[in-house]
Amino acid sequence: MPSPRVSSALRATALCFGLFSLAACSGSVGNLFSESKPPIETQTPEQIFADAQKELAKKNHRRAAKMFDEIERLYPYSDLTKKALLLSAFSSYEAAEYDSAITSAQRYLGFFPSDEQTDYARYLVAQSYYEQIVDVGRDQGVTKEALAALRELIARHPDSEYVDDARLKLDTALDQLSGKEMTIGRYYLKRGDYLAAINRFQTVVKQYDTTTHVQEALHRLVEANLSLGLVEEAKSAGAVLGHNFPGSDWYSNSYEMLTESGAIIGGQKDAWFRRAYRQVIKGEWL
């Protein structure tokens, strides 16, 4: 699951637009088609934008988003349309209407691909996907979308103020996906479907090697390969585990498992993994 929402960076950029400068303004705004105001179709883009700002300052995020959307609908060529699109995305994000936030931000990127705020738009897209990440027991499609959006932000805007936060969220998304692979792998292992389990654990080792699940994945590869009688493959996984995580409980458990199975002769755990790593992984047999 993602960490609590971090919108300070989003809000800081919104401040650059002067969104909250009208927080002290008096007077009620009402709904989009309030009888106290002329029909929205007869208002200027400046009037609609000012009212949308007031709604956003009062944290009426859904209403603000709809009003910003009206500027694009009624005045697609207005100078305010660019800001309105981005602020619609921000307002929808604050309202936890993430699909709408993504749509508005992507429309902004489509219409203004070279604008100076494109990094902010991509951050909104990534953040909106990230907020929808669910636990590893459920489908991880949205996690993959978040991962792709975060990578695009980092690749396209390496100097952006949002990159540091994006990198942290990238690590979390990767850990989430590797956790999903581990959950499925453990399920197959428990059922005795060792080949299917091995495929999942190998995916973690090869594709998510920076995540917290790698140690267990290597240990489970030892377990699954021994169950199939694939002793050399089990020793290889154990050697990699011992080389990278020599002090971990997972390596101690793997070493014990390999010893009990007769795959190795116990007694000198540290010496074994160094020798095994050189022989099995690096091919240094002499």
Protein backbone atom coordinates (compact mmCIF):
# COMPACT_ATOMS: atom_id res chain seq x y z
CA MET A 1 0.00 0.00 0.00
CA PRO A 2 1.26 3.50 -0.69
CA SER A 3 2.26 5.86 2.07
CA PRO A 4 -0.20 8.60 3.17
CA ARG A 5 -0.84 11.11 0.44
CA VAL A 6 1.96 13.59 -0.02
CA SER A 7 0.50 16.58 -1.85
CA SER A 8 2.74 19.31 -0.43
CA ALA A 9 4.70 19.50 -3.68
CA LEU A 10 1.46 19.63 -5.64
CA ARG A 11 0.07 22.30 -3.40
CA ALA A 12 3.27 24.31 -3.57
CA THR A 13 3.00 24.47 -7.35
CA ALA A 14 -0.65 25.41 -7.05
CA LEU A 15 0.42 28.32 -4.89
CA CYS A 16 2.51 29.57 -7.80
CA PHE A 17 -0.76 30.11 -9.63
CA GLY A 18 -2.10 32.17 -6.72
CA LEU A 19 -4.83 29.65 -6.02
CA PHE A 20 -5.21 30.47 -2.39
CA SER A 21 -4.83 34.23 -2.63
CA LEU A 22 -8.60 34.52 -2.67
CA ALA A 23 -9.16 32.51 0.49
CA ALA A 24 -10.29 35.62 2.38
CA CYS A 25 -12.69 36.82 -0.29
CA SER A 26 -16.23 37.24 0.89
CA GLY A 27 -19.44 36.24 -0.83
CA SER A 28 -20.89 32.84 -1.73
CA VAL A 29 -20.33 31.28 -5.08
CA GLY A 30 -23.10 28.71 -5.23
CA ASN A 31 -23.22 25.98 -7.84
CA LEU A 32 -22.16 26.27 -11.44
CA PHE A 33 -25.60 27.40 -12.54
CA SER A 34 -26.57 29.52 -9.54
CA GLU A 35 -29.49 31.83 -10.12
CA SER A 36 -27.50 34.61 -8.42
CA LYS A 37 -25.12 34.64 -11.36
CA PRO A 38 -25.66 34.79 -15.09
CA PRO A 39 -25.54 31.45 -16.93
CA ILE A 40 -22.00 30.17 -17.07
CA GLU A 41 -22.11 30.22 -20.88
CA THR A 42 -22.43 34.02 -20.74
CA GLN A 43 -19.52 34.56 -18.34
CA THR A 44 -16.03 35.44 -19.47
CA PRO A 45 -13.20 32.95 -18.93
CA GLU A 46 -11.76 35.38 -16.37
CA GLN A 47 -14.99 35.32 -14.37
CA ILE A 48 -15.21 31.54 -14.41
CA PHE A 49 -11.53 31.20 -13.49
CA ALA A 50 -11.90 33.60 -10.55
CA ASP A 51 -14.93 31.71 -9.24
CA ALA A 52 -13.10 28.39 -9.63
CA GLN A 53 -10.21 29.81 -7.62
CA LYS A 54 -12.61 30.78 -4.85
CA GLU A 55 -14.05 27.26 -4.78
CA LEU A 56 -10.58 25.74 -4.63
CA ALA A 57 -9.53 28.10 -1.84
CA LYS A 58 -12.56 26.88 0.14
CA LYS A 59 -11.55 23.27 -0.61
CA ASN A 60 -14.59 22.63 -2.78
CA HIS A 61 -12.36 20.58 -5.02
CA ARG A 62 -14.96 18.78 -7.12
CA ARG A 63 -16.80 22.00 -7.91
CA ALA A 64 -13.55 23.77 -8.71
CA ALA A 65 -12.54 21.01 -11.13
CA LYS A 66 -15.84 21.25 -12.97
CA MET A 67 -15.55 25.01 -13.26
CA PHE A 68 -12.00 24.79 -14.61
CA ASP A 69 -13.27 22.22 -17.12
CA GLU A 70 -15.92 24.68 -18.28
CA ILE A 71 -13.21 27.11 -19.37
CA GLU A 72 -11.77 24.52 -21.73
CA ARG A 73 -15.23 23.62 -23.02
CA LEU A 74 -16.42 27.18 -23.59
CA TYR A 75 -13.16 28.92 -24.40
CA PRO A 76 -10.71 26.36 -25.81
CA TYR A 77 -8.49 29.09 -27.26
CA SER A 78 -8.42 31.32 -24.20
CA ASP A 79 -5.11 32.19 -22.61
CA LEU A 80 -6.53 30.74 -19.38
CA THR A 81 -7.27 27.31 -20.86
CA LYS A 82 -3.75 26.04 -20.22
CA LYS A 83 -3.88 26.95 -16.53
CA ALA A 84 -7.44 25.70 -16.24
CA LEU A 85 -6.53 22.24 -17.53
CA LEU A 86 -3.70 21.85 -15.06
CA LEU A 87 -5.74 23.22 -12.17
CA SER A 88 -8.61 20.91 -13.06
CA ALA A 89 -6.17 18.01 -12.72
CA PHE A 90 -4.94 19.35 -9.37
CA SER A 91 -8.48 19.91 -8.09
CA SER A 92 -9.56 16.40 -9.10
CA TYR A 93 -6.49 14.95 -7.40
CA GLU A 94 -7.31 16.80 -4.18
CA ALA A 95 -10.87 15.45 -4.43
CA ALA A 96 -9.44 11.91 -4.75
CA GLU A 97 -11.00 11.65 -8.22
CA TYR A 98 -7.85 10.20 -9.66
CA ASP A 99 -9.14 9.08 -13.05
CA SER A 100 -10.35 12.62 -13.74
CA ALA A 101 -7.02 14.02 -12.57
CA ILE A 102 -5.15 11.71 -14.94
CA THR A 103 -7.43 12.62 -17.85
CA SER A 104 -7.01 16.37 -17.33
CA ALA A 105 -3.25 16.13 -16.85
CA GLN A 106 -2.86 14.00 -19.96
CA ARG A 107 -4.98 16.44 -21.98
CA TYR A 108 -2.69 19.21 -20.81
CA LEU A 109 0.36 17.22 -21.91
CA GLY A 110 -1.28 16.54 -25.27
CA PHE A 111 -2.11 20.19 -25.93
CA PHE A 112 1.00 21.76 -24.40
CA PRO A 113 3.81 19.19 -24.67
CA SER A 114 6.58 21.80 -24.43
CA ASP A 115 5.18 23.90 -21.61
CA GLU A 116 7.38 24.55 -18.58
CA GLN A 117 4.88 22.85 -16.26
CA THR A 118 4.90 19.47 -18.03
CA ASP A 119 6.92 17.96 -15.18
CA TYR A 120 4.15 18.95 -12.79
CA ALA A 121 1.52 17.43 -15.08
CA ARG A 122 3.44 14.16 -15.27
CA TYR A 123 3.86 14.19 -11.51
CA LEU A 124 0.09 14.57 -11.14
CA VAL A 125 -0.43 11.56 -13.43
CA ALA A 126 2.08 9.44 -11.52
CA GLN A 127 0.76 10.52 -8.14
CA SER A 128 -2.83 9.79 -9.16
CA TYR A 129 -1.93 6.25 -10.21
CA TYR A 130 0.19 5.78 -7.09
CA GLU A 131 -2.67 6.71 -4.76
CA GLN A 132 -4.73 3.86 -6.25
CA ILE A 133 -2.22 1.09 -5.49
CA VAL A 134 -3.90 -1.75 -3.64
CA ASP A 135 -2.57 -4.59 -1.49
CA VAL A 136 -0.61 -7.40 -3.10
CA GLY A 137 -3.54 -9.78 -2.90
CA ARG A 138 -5.31 -7.89 -5.68
CA ASP A 139 -4.60 -7.06 -9.31
CA GLN A 140 -1.55 -4.84 -9.71
CA GLY A 141 -2.43 -3.22 -13.03
CA VAL A 142 -2.56 0.25 -11.50
CA THR A 143 0.83 -0.32 -9.86
CA LYS A 144 2.32 -0.97 -13.29
CA GLU A 145 0.72 2.24 -14.56
CA ALA A 146 2.22 4.14 -11.62
CA LEU A 147 5.61 2.60 -12.30
CA ALA A 148 5.50 3.61 -15.97
CA ALA A 149 4.40 7.17 -15.12
CA LEU A 150 7.10 7.56 -12.47
CA ARG A 151 9.78 6.30 -14.84
CA GLU A 152 8.63 8.69 -17.56
CA LEU A 153 8.77 11.63 -15.15
CA ILE A 154 12.30 10.71 -14.02
CA ALA A 155 13.53 10.10 -17.58
CA ARG A 156 12.03 13.25 -19.10
CA HIS A 157 12.66 15.63 -16.21
CA PRO A 158 15.76 14.45 -14.33
CA ASP A 159 16.28 17.89 -12.77
CA SER A 160 12.67 18.43 -11.71
CA GLU A 161 11.85 19.24 -8.10
CA TYR A 162 9.48 16.24 -8.14
CA VAL A 163 12.10 13.63 -9.04
CA ASP A 164 13.25 12.86 -5.50
CA ASP A 165 9.71 12.04 -4.42
CA ALA A 166 9.17 10.10 -7.65
CA ARG A 167 12.22 7.93 -6.95
CA LEU A 168 10.91 7.05 -3.49
CA LYS A 169 7.55 6.11 -4.92
CA LEU A 170 9.27 4.14 -7.69
CA ASP A 171 10.96 1.95 -5.08
CA THR A 172 7.62 1.40 -3.34
CA ALA A 173 5.91 0.45 -6.60
CA LEU A 174 8.69 -2.01 -7.48
CA ASP A 175 8.45 -3.55 -4.02
CA GLN A 176 4.70 -3.89 -4.49
CA LEU A 177 5.11 -5.75 -7.78
CA SER A 178 7.79 -8.03 -6.39
CA GLY A 179 5.55 -8.71 -3.41
CA LYS A 180 2.81 -9.82 -5.77
CA GLU A 181 5.20 -12.23 -7.50
CA MET A 182 6.24 -13.61 -4.10
CA THR A 183 2.61 -14.13 -3.07
CA ILE A 184 1.91 -16.16 -6.21
CA GLY A 185 5.20 -18.03 -5.92
CA ARG A 186 4.49 -19.07 -2.32
CA TYR A 187 1.05 -20.26 -3.41
CA TYR A 188 2.55 -22.50 -6.10
CA LEU A 189 5.25 -23.72 -3.71
CA LYS A 190 2.66 -24.71 -1.12
CA ARG A 191 0.72 -26.63 -3.78
CA GLY A 192 3.83 -28.46 -4.91
CA ASP A 193 3.84 -26.77 -8.32
CA TYR A 194 7.58 -26.18 -8.08
CA LEU A 195 8.31 -25.14 -11.67
CA ALA A 196 5.64 -22.44 -11.55
CA ALA A 197 6.99 -21.29 -8.19
CA ILE A 198 10.55 -21.15 -9.53
CA ASN A 199 9.43 -18.95 -12.44
CA ARG A 200 7.90 -16.44 -10.02
CA PHE A 201 10.89 -16.36 -7.70
CA GLN A 202 13.27 -15.98 -10.64
CA THR A 203 11.22 -13.00 -11.82
CA VAL A 204 11.80 -11.33 -8.45
CA VAL A 205 15.54 -12.00 -8.59
CA LYS A 206 15.96 -10.82 -12.18
CA GLN A 207 13.48 -7.97 -12.47
CA TYR A 208 13.15 -6.67 -8.91
CA ASP A 209 16.65 -7.21 -7.57
CA THR A 210 16.64 -3.95 -5.58
CA THR A 211 13.53 -4.78 -3.56
CA THR A 212 13.16 -6.19 -0.07
CA HIS A 213 11.89 -9.53 -1.37
CA VAL A 214 15.08 -10.71 -3.08
CA GLN A 215 16.48 -12.54 -0.05
CA GLU A 216 13.37 -14.64 0.42
CA ALA A 217 13.09 -15.26 -3.33
CA LEU A 218 16.60 -16.75 -3.40
CA HIS A 219 15.82 -18.89 -0.36
CA ARG A 220 12.60 -20.14 -1.98
CA LEU A 221 14.59 -21.01 -5.10
CA VAL A 222 16.80 -23.20 -2.92
CA GLU A 223 13.71 -24.83 -1.45
CA ALA A 224 11.87 -25.36 -4.75
CA ASN A 225 14.90 -26.65 -6.64
CA LEU A 226 15.77 -29.11 -3.87
CA SER A 227 12.17 -30.34 -3.96
CA LEU A 228 12.66 -31.14 -7.65
CA GLY A 229 16.05 -32.74 -7.04
CA LEU A 230 17.83 -29.94 -8.90
CA VAL A 231 20.77 -29.80 -6.52
CA GLU A 232 23.12 -27.63 -8.57
CA GLU A 233 20.40 -25.05 -9.19
CA ALA A 234 19.64 -25.01 -5.47
CA LYS A 235 23.32 -24.53 -4.67
CA SER A 236 23.56 -21.70 -7.19
CA ALA A 237 20.68 -19.84 -5.54
CA GLY A 238 22.23 -20.46 -2.14
CA ALA A 239 25.60 -19.18 -3.32
CA VAL A 240 24.09 -15.94 -4.64
CA LEU A 241 22.17 -15.52 -1.40
CA GLY A 242 25.27 -16.12 0.70
CA HIS A 243 27.38 -13.76 -1.39
CA ASN A 244 24.93 -10.86 -1.23
CA PHE A 245 23.34 -11.42 2.18
CA PRO A 246 25.82 -13.47 4.23
CA GLY A 247 24.41 -12.41 7.60
CA SER A 248 20.71 -12.86 6.82
CA ASP A 249 18.37 -15.40 8.37
CA TRP A 250 17.30 -16.41 4.87
CA TYR A 251 20.86 -17.50 4.08
CA SER A 252 21.17 -19.38 7.38
CA ASN A 253 17.95 -21.21 6.57
CA SER A 254 19.11 -22.00 3.04
CA TYR A 255 22.47 -23.24 4.26
CA GLU A 256 20.75 -25.49 6.80
CA MET A 257 18.41 -26.81 4.13
CA LEU A 258 21.29 -27.56 1.74
CA THR A 259 23.24 -29.28 4.53
CA GLU A 260 20.31 -31.43 5.64
CA SER A 261 19.64 -32.49 2.07
CA GLY A 262 23.27 -33.60 1.63
CA ALA A 263 23.84 -31.07 -1.13
CA ILE A 264 26.79 -29.64 0.80
CA ILE A 265 28.90 -30.69 3.76
CA GLY A 266 28.27 -28.43 6.71
CA GLY A 267 30.71 -26.90 9.11
CA GLN A 268 32.08 -23.80 7.44
CA LYS A 269 29.22 -21.75 6.15
CA ASP A 270 31.18 -18.63 5.20
CA ALA A 271 33.90 -20.57 3.42
CA TRP A 272 31.29 -22.60 1.54
CA PHE A 273 29.40 -19.70 0.05
CA ARG A 274 32.60 -17.94 -1.06
CA ARG A 275 33.84 -21.10 -2.75
CA ALA A 276 30.43 -21.91 -4.20
CA TYR A 277 30.00 -18.40 -5.54
CA ARG A 278 33.35 -18.55 -7.32
CA GLN A 279 32.68 -21.99 -8.73
CA VAL A 280 28.98 -21.94 -9.56
CA ILE A 281 28.44 -18.31 -10.48
CA LYS A 282 31.81 -17.07 -11.75
CA GLY A 283 33.06 -20.38 -13.16
CA GLU A 284 36.35 -20.34 -11.27
CA TRP A 285 36.82 -24.07 -10.70
CA LEU A 286 40.54 -24.02 -9.95
